[in-house]
Amino acid sequence: MANTRYAGLMNFSSDTSAPAHPAVLEALAGVNNGMQPSYGADEVTARLRNELTRVLETDDFDFWLCASGTAANALALSCFCPPMGAVLCHDEAHIARDERSAPEFFTGGGKLQLLPGEGAQIDETALREALAGIKPDFVHETPAHVLSLTNLTESGTAYPAGRVKHFSALAKDAGLMVHLDGARFANALVSTGASPAEMSWKARVDVLTLGLTKTGAMGCEIIILFGSARQKFNELKARAKRSGHMPPKMRYLAAQAIAMFADDRWLALATNANQRAREISNLLCRDGQTELVHPVEGNEIFVRLSESNLRALTDAGATFYPWIGGSHRLVTSWSTPAGTVERLSDLLA
């Protein structure tokens, strides 16, 4: 029988299972007074634009707030991929594996064209071949209109900003728009040392879905349109309204984002999550039998556990998931305490 004594310290199920940061709850209480205009016309959402301008180092953007990453990704892609078009993405991308065909539904039938690559990063040769094979005038073809990258990837690896820029250039040369799924954007920034600007518009990304929920918000995702992609903003709002993703009291979403960005809190929280993942992966691998499946470049650990480590984690009541090929996934969060590392060190000794 599993020991529940340490279960509170041993929950590695997902960063979406973590609580909201206290500053987020305080911010929500702080805006919970008086009347404010609806649907994003409030003063709190206006303040968020100023904060995003600081964070992104540009004012050449428009944004929309959603409560879930699936909604953000699907809405963003629907503005750039027509019903008879395709989105190039990795075959393990969240939009392909975990969103119940929401992108296809929101685009009205757009296809996901899946590409291979180690660590859930698209292989450049495969990308070049897919781009070279686009034939819009061939009636049997489903031509790609968008390249979608994920950072962190679904294998916990991080695209460096330079590679995002390189892949974006390849896509742009073929006439595609570029979407970046940034559900764990902060973790990727901390891991690579890139700034938000370097990983987004400076890397020629057209639309970024910047996630804050996994980082420490209660539920806040931001769709950000850069440069010429801003022409789609009215369409984005119309699609949000039609699909039920136009929050009437948007100030509560905006307040979460402001709290996360204040004093670069979102990056500090991601730093904690990433550090805990490195520490825990080191502990797991010190027996010489446990093997990492992918490099730990964020807050996710993909590992083939030795029998002794698997038994120790299970006996301690740890929560984690079996994964592809007999491996397991463990995820840390902003709230994973140092005590977890200390306890694991004792359990895995």
Protein backbone atom coordinates (compact mmCIF):
# COMPACT_ATOMS: atom_id res chain seq x y z
CA MET A 1 0.00 0.00 0.00
CA ALA A 2 1.28 3.46 -0.90
CA ASN A 3 2.40 5.65 1.98
CA THR A 4 0.39 8.89 1.94
CA ARG A 5 2.66 10.57 4.49
CA TYR A 6 4.73 12.31 1.83
CA ALA A 7 2.08 12.56 -0.90
CA GLY A 8 1.80 16.34 -0.50
CA LEU A 9 5.50 16.69 -1.29
CA MET A 10 5.42 14.13 -4.06
CA ASN A 11 2.81 15.35 -6.53
CA PHE A 12 4.50 15.42 -9.93
CA SER A 13 1.29 15.04 -11.95
CA SER A 14 1.29 18.41 -13.72
CA ASP A 15 1.99 22.09 -13.21
CA THR A 16 -1.72 22.63 -13.85
CA SER A 17 -2.34 20.79 -10.58
CA ALA A 18 -0.39 23.42 -8.64
CA PRO A 19 -2.19 26.18 -6.72
CA ALA A 20 -2.37 29.74 -7.98
CA HIS A 21 0.35 31.99 -6.58
CA PRO A 22 -0.83 34.10 -3.59
CA ALA A 23 -0.03 37.31 -5.51
CA VAL A 24 -2.55 36.26 -8.15
CA LEU A 25 -5.29 35.78 -5.58
CA GLU A 26 -4.40 39.11 -4.01
CA ALA A 27 -4.61 40.79 -7.42
CA LEU A 28 -8.03 39.27 -8.06
CA ALA A 29 -9.30 40.61 -4.75
CA GLY A 30 -7.77 43.99 -5.58
CA VAL A 31 -9.84 44.44 -8.74
CA ASN A 32 -13.01 43.06 -7.21
CA ASN A 33 -14.63 46.40 -6.49
CA GLY A 34 -16.75 48.90 -8.37
CA MET A 35 -18.10 48.77 -11.89
CA GLN A 36 -15.92 48.30 -14.98
CA PRO A 37 -16.77 48.09 -18.69
CA SER A 38 -17.15 44.59 -20.09
CA TYR A 39 -15.28 42.50 -22.65
CA GLY A 40 -11.84 43.99 -22.22
CA ALA A 41 -12.74 47.68 -22.23
CA ASP A 42 -11.87 48.01 -18.54
CA GLU A 43 -8.93 49.92 -17.07
CA VAL A 44 -7.25 46.76 -15.72
CA THR A 45 -6.96 45.27 -19.21
CA ALA A 46 -5.63 48.63 -20.42
CA ARG A 47 -2.93 48.44 -17.74
CA LEU A 48 -2.04 44.97 -18.94
CA ARG A 49 -1.29 46.36 -22.39
CA ASN A 50 1.26 48.71 -20.83
CA GLU A 51 2.80 45.81 -18.94
CA LEU A 52 2.98 43.66 -22.08
CA THR A 53 4.66 46.53 -23.90
CA ARG A 54 7.37 46.48 -21.23
CA VAL A 55 7.72 42.70 -21.21
CA LEU A 56 7.75 42.32 -25.00
CA GLU A 57 9.79 45.45 -25.72
CA THR A 58 7.34 46.58 -28.39
CA ASP A 59 3.93 48.17 -28.78
CA ASP A 60 3.33 46.61 -32.21
CA PHE A 61 0.89 43.97 -30.99
CA ASP A 62 -2.73 43.24 -30.12
CA PHE A 63 -3.80 40.69 -27.52
CA TRP A 64 -6.74 38.66 -26.30
CA LEU A 65 -7.22 36.79 -23.03
CA CYS A 66 -8.50 33.24 -22.59
CA ALA A 67 -8.88 30.91 -19.66
CA SER A 68 -7.37 27.83 -21.32
CA GLY A 69 -4.44 27.00 -23.55
CA THR A 70 -6.57 24.87 -25.87
CA ALA A 71 -8.87 27.82 -26.54
CA ALA A 72 -5.90 30.12 -27.10
CA ASN A 73 -4.20 27.76 -29.56
CA ALA A 74 -7.35 26.91 -31.47
CA LEU A 75 -8.49 30.53 -31.76
CA ALA A 76 -5.05 31.70 -32.84
CA LEU A 77 -4.68 29.03 -35.51
CA SER A 78 -8.22 29.54 -36.80
CA CYS A 79 -7.31 33.08 -37.85
CA PHE A 80 -4.48 31.93 -40.10
CA CYS A 81 -5.38 28.44 -41.33
CA PRO A 82 -8.40 28.23 -43.68
CA PRO A 83 -10.72 25.19 -43.72
CA MET A 84 -8.91 23.70 -46.72
CA GLY A 85 -5.42 24.43 -45.39
CA ALA A 86 -2.96 22.76 -43.04
CA VAL A 87 -0.81 23.52 -40.01
CA LEU A 88 2.68 22.05 -39.85
CA CYS A 89 3.53 20.85 -36.33
CA HIS A 90 5.44 18.13 -34.52
CA ASP A 91 3.64 14.83 -34.22
CA GLU A 92 3.82 15.11 -30.41
CA ALA A 93 2.65 18.73 -30.28
CA HIS A 94 -0.06 19.54 -27.77
CA ILE A 95 -2.36 20.71 -30.58
CA ALA A 96 -2.02 17.25 -32.15
CA ARG A 97 -2.05 14.96 -29.11
CA ASP A 98 -4.00 16.68 -26.37
CA GLU A 99 -6.61 19.11 -27.70
CA ARG A 100 -9.28 16.73 -29.00
CA SER A 101 -9.09 18.15 -32.55
CA ALA A 102 -9.92 21.65 -31.30
CA PRO A 103 -7.66 23.29 -33.95
CA GLU A 104 -9.42 21.30 -36.69
CA PHE A 105 -12.81 22.24 -35.23
CA PHE A 106 -12.03 25.95 -34.86
CA THR A 107 -10.51 26.20 -38.35
CA GLY A 108 -13.58 24.53 -39.82
CA GLY A 109 -11.66 21.54 -41.11
CA GLY A 110 -8.03 22.61 -41.30
CA LYS A 111 -5.58 19.70 -41.23
CA LEU A 112 -2.60 19.14 -38.94
CA GLN A 113 0.39 17.94 -40.94
CA LEU A 114 2.61 16.11 -38.49
CA LEU A 115 6.41 16.19 -38.64
CA PRO A 116 9.01 14.07 -36.79
CA GLY A 117 11.96 15.13 -34.68
CA GLU A 118 13.86 14.21 -31.51
CA GLY A 119 12.71 15.67 -28.21
CA ALA A 120 9.46 16.85 -29.83
CA GLN A 121 11.42 19.44 -31.81
CA ILE A 122 10.72 19.45 -35.53
CA ASP A 123 13.52 17.98 -37.60
CA GLU A 124 14.84 20.61 -40.01
CA THR A 125 15.14 18.21 -42.94
CA ALA A 126 11.52 17.13 -42.47
CA LEU A 127 10.43 20.76 -42.26
CA ARG A 128 12.30 21.68 -45.45
CA GLU A 129 10.77 18.72 -47.28
CA ALA A 130 7.27 19.66 -46.12
CA LEU A 131 7.72 23.27 -47.17
CA ALA A 132 9.16 22.27 -50.55
CA GLY A 133 6.20 19.96 -51.11
CA ILE A 134 3.54 22.64 -50.81
CA LYS A 135 1.59 22.89 -54.07
CA PRO A 136 -1.39 25.25 -53.56
CA ASP A 137 -2.61 24.86 -57.15
CA PHE A 138 -2.68 21.05 -56.99
CA VAL A 139 -6.30 20.17 -56.33
CA HIS A 140 -5.45 17.06 -54.31
CA GLU A 141 -3.07 18.96 -52.02
CA THR A 142 -3.87 20.37 -48.58
CA PRO A 143 -1.38 23.25 -48.56
CA ALA A 144 0.16 24.40 -45.31
CA HIS A 145 -0.56 27.95 -44.18
CA VAL A 146 0.95 27.93 -40.69
CA LEU A 147 4.00 26.52 -38.92
CA SER A 148 3.29 25.84 -35.24
CA LEU A 149 6.18 25.42 -32.81
CA THR A 150 5.92 24.54 -29.12
CA ASN A 151 8.25 25.92 -26.43
CA LEU A 152 8.78 24.13 -24.08
CA THR A 153 8.06 21.13 -26.28
CA GLU A 154 5.88 18.24 -25.18
CA SER A 155 9.08 16.37 -24.31
CA GLY A 156 10.27 19.15 -22.03
CA THR A 157 13.01 20.37 -24.37
CA ALA A 158 13.54 24.00 -25.32
CA TYR A 159 14.01 25.51 -28.75
CA PRO A 160 16.73 28.19 -28.54
CA ALA A 161 15.55 31.55 -29.84
CA GLY A 162 17.96 31.25 -32.76
CA ARG A 163 16.34 28.03 -33.93
CA VAL A 164 12.86 29.52 -33.63
CA LYS A 165 14.05 32.41 -35.79
CA HIS A 166 15.67 30.05 -38.30
CA PHE A 167 12.55 27.89 -38.62
CA SER A 168 10.39 31.01 -38.86
CA ALA A 169 12.54 32.27 -41.73
CA LEU A 170 12.13 28.98 -43.58
CA ALA A 171 8.37 29.13 -43.08
CA LYS A 172 8.13 32.78 -44.12
CA ASP A 173 10.10 32.10 -47.30
CA ALA A 174 7.43 29.53 -48.16
CA GLY A 175 4.62 32.00 -47.45
CA LEU A 176 3.54 30.57 -44.07
CA MET A 177 2.63 32.34 -40.85
CA VAL A 178 4.29 31.21 -37.60
CA HIS A 179 2.52 30.30 -34.37
CA LEU A 180 4.32 29.62 -31.10
CA ASP A 181 2.52 27.59 -28.44
CA GLY A 182 4.00 29.03 -25.26
CA ALA A 183 2.06 27.18 -22.59
CA ARG A 184 5.40 26.88 -20.76
CA PHE A 185 6.93 29.97 -22.35
CA ALA A 186 8.51 31.22 -19.13
CA ASN A 187 10.23 27.87 -18.53
CA ALA A 188 11.71 28.01 -22.03
CA LEU A 189 12.91 31.59 -21.52
CA VAL A 190 14.62 30.75 -18.25
CA SER A 191 16.20 27.62 -19.71
CA THR A 192 17.59 29.31 -22.83
CA GLY A 193 18.34 32.75 -21.38
CA ALA A 194 16.32 34.43 -24.12
CA SER A 195 14.14 37.47 -23.56
CA PRO A 196 10.41 37.34 -24.40
CA ALA A 197 11.12 39.58 -27.41
CA GLU A 198 13.95 37.38 -28.66
CA MET A 199 11.73 34.29 -28.46
CA SER A 200 8.73 35.90 -30.15
CA TRP A 201 8.54 38.85 -32.54
CA LYS A 202 12.30 39.19 -32.93
CA ALA A 203 12.28 35.53 -33.98
CA ARG A 204 9.62 36.43 -36.57
CA VAL A 205 6.76 34.74 -34.71
CA ASP A 206 3.40 36.11 -35.89
CA VAL A 207 1.17 34.85 -33.09
CA LEU A 208 2.19 33.75 -29.62
CA THR A 209 -0.07 31.98 -27.17
CA LEU A 210 1.62 32.98 -23.94
CA GLY A 211 0.60 30.71 -21.10
CA LEU A 212 0.56 31.79 -17.47
CA THR A 213 -1.66 29.09 -15.99
CA LYS A 214 1.10 26.48 -15.72
CA THR A 215 3.46 29.13 -14.39
CA GLY A 216 1.31 30.16 -11.42
CA ALA A 217 -1.88 31.91 -12.55
CA MET A 218 -5.35 30.61 -11.77
CA GLY A 219 -6.30 30.47 -15.43
CA CYS A 220 -4.83 32.98 -17.88
CA GLU A 221 -3.56 32.56 -21.44
CA ILE A 222 -2.74 35.47 -23.76
CA ILE A 223 -3.04 35.39 -27.55
CA ILE A 224 -0.60 37.99 -28.92
CA LEU A 225 -0.62 39.10 -32.56
CA PHE A 226 2.54 40.82 -33.79
CA GLY A 227 3.10 43.17 -36.72
CA SER A 228 1.08 42.40 -39.83
CA ALA A 229 -0.78 39.62 -37.97
CA ARG A 230 -2.62 42.40 -36.12
CA GLN A 231 -4.85 42.68 -39.19
CA LYS A 232 -6.57 39.57 -37.86
CA PHE A 233 -7.47 41.10 -34.50
CA ASN A 234 -11.09 41.90 -35.32
CA GLU A 235 -11.52 38.40 -36.71
CA LEU A 236 -9.94 36.98 -33.57
CA LYS A 237 -12.44 38.84 -31.41
CA ALA A 238 -15.34 37.69 -33.60
CA ARG A 239 -14.19 34.09 -33.38
CA ALA A 240 -13.77 34.41 -29.63
CA LYS A 241 -17.31 35.74 -29.31
CA ARG A 242 -18.79 33.06 -31.55
CA SER A 243 -17.07 30.24 -29.66
CA GLY A 244 -17.86 31.53 -26.17
CA HIS A 245 -14.36 32.76 -25.37
CA MET A 246 -15.09 36.44 -24.88
CA PRO A 247 -14.83 36.83 -21.09
CA PRO A 248 -17.37 39.45 -19.97
CA LYS A 249 -15.34 40.33 -16.86
CA MET A 250 -11.94 40.32 -18.50
CA ARG A 251 -10.41 42.41 -15.73
CA TYR A 252 -10.07 39.23 -13.65
CA LEU A 253 -7.93 37.60 -16.32
CA ALA A 254 -5.92 40.78 -16.84
CA ALA A 255 -5.29 41.12 -13.11
CA GLN A 256 -3.75 37.66 -13.03
CA ALA A 257 -1.37 38.52 -15.85
CA ILE A 258 -0.37 41.83 -14.26
CA ALA A 259 0.42 40.04 -11.00
CA MET A 260 2.52 37.45 -12.83
CA PHE A 261 4.50 40.04 -14.78
CA ALA A 262 5.08 42.35 -11.81
CA ASP A 263 8.76 42.33 -10.86
CA ASP A 264 9.18 39.50 -13.42
CA ARG A 265 7.46 37.14 -11.01
CA TRP A 266 6.57 34.73 -13.83
CA LEU A 267 10.26 34.21 -14.64
CA ALA A 268 11.17 33.76 -10.98
CA LEU A 269 8.46 31.12 -10.57
CA ALA A 270 9.61 29.32 -13.72
CA THR A 271 13.18 29.42 -12.40
CA ASN A 272 12.06 27.62 -9.24
CA ALA A 273 10.19 24.98 -11.23
CA ASN A 274 13.13 24.40 -13.58
CA GLN A 275 15.61 24.17 -10.71
CA ARG A 276 13.50 21.61 -8.86
CA ALA A 277 13.25 19.51 -12.02
CA ARG A 278 17.03 19.48 -12.43
CA GLU A 279 17.55 18.59 -8.78
CA ILE A 280 15.00 15.77 -8.86
CA SER A 281 16.30 14.35 -12.14
CA ASN A 282 19.81 14.27 -10.67
CA LEU A 283 18.53 12.36 -7.65
CA LEU A 284 16.64 9.87 -9.80
CA CYS A 285 19.67 9.20 -11.99
CA ARG A 286 22.26 8.81 -9.26
CA ASP A 287 21.56 5.08 -8.93
CA GLY A 288 23.18 4.52 -12.30
CA GLN A 289 20.19 2.54 -13.59
CA THR A 290 17.60 5.26 -14.16
CA GLU A 291 17.95 6.99 -17.54
CA LEU A 292 16.68 10.29 -18.85
CA VAL A 293 14.72 9.96 -22.09
CA HIS A 294 15.12 13.67 -22.92
CA PRO A 295 17.34 16.43 -21.54
CA VAL A 296 15.75 18.32 -18.65
CA GLU A 297 15.50 21.83 -20.14
CA GLY A 298 12.47 23.02 -18.23
CA ASN A 299 10.18 21.70 -15.53
CA GLU A 300 9.41 18.27 -17.00
CA ILE A 301 11.33 15.05 -16.43
CA PHE A 302 10.97 12.12 -18.84
CA VAL A 303 12.76 9.15 -17.44
CA ARG A 304 13.06 5.37 -17.52
CA LEU A 305 12.96 4.54 -13.84
CA SER A 306 14.87 1.70 -12.27
CA GLU A 307 12.75 -0.82 -10.40
CA SER A 308 14.04 0.45 -7.05
CA ASN A 309 13.26 4.10 -7.87
CA LEU A 310 9.82 3.22 -9.20
CA ARG A 311 9.07 1.25 -6.05
CA ALA A 312 10.37 4.02 -3.76
CA LEU A 313 8.26 6.68 -5.49
CA THR A 314 5.16 4.47 -5.48
CA ASP A 315 5.60 3.52 -1.82
CA ALA A 316 5.94 7.21 -0.91
CA GLY A 317 2.58 7.96 -2.56
CA ALA A 318 4.11 10.01 -5.36
CA THR A 319 1.85 11.07 -8.21
CA PHE A 320 3.32 10.85 -11.71
CA TYR A 321 2.34 9.34 -15.03
CA PRO A 322 3.53 6.47 -17.21
CA TRP A 323 4.64 7.75 -20.61
CA ILE A 324 5.67 6.59 -24.07
CA GLY A 325 7.91 3.54 -24.40
CA GLY A 326 7.81 2.49 -20.78
CA SER A 327 9.07 5.82 -19.45
CA HIS A 328 7.47 8.11 -16.86
CA ARG A 329 6.82 11.83 -16.72
CA LEU A 330 7.31 13.93 -13.59
CA VAL A 331 6.45 17.65 -13.62
CA THR A 332 7.52 20.27 -11.10
CA SER A 333 5.92 23.66 -10.52
CA TRP A 334 6.52 27.02 -8.89
CA SER A 335 5.21 25.52 -5.66
CA THR A 336 7.41 22.41 -5.54
CA PRO A 337 9.25 23.00 -2.25
CA ALA A 338 12.87 22.36 -1.41
CA GLY A 339 11.51 19.80 1.06
CA THR A 340 10.52 17.61 -1.84
CA VAL A 341 14.15 17.36 -2.94
CA GLU A 342 15.29 16.66 0.60
CA ARG A 343 12.68 13.95 1.11
CA LEU A 344 13.49 12.34 -2.23
CA SER A 345 17.16 12.33 -1.34
CA ASP A 346 16.32 10.26 1.73
CA LEU A 347 13.89 7.95 -0.08
CA LEU A 348 16.21 7.21 -2.99
CA ALA A 349 19.36 6.73 -0.89
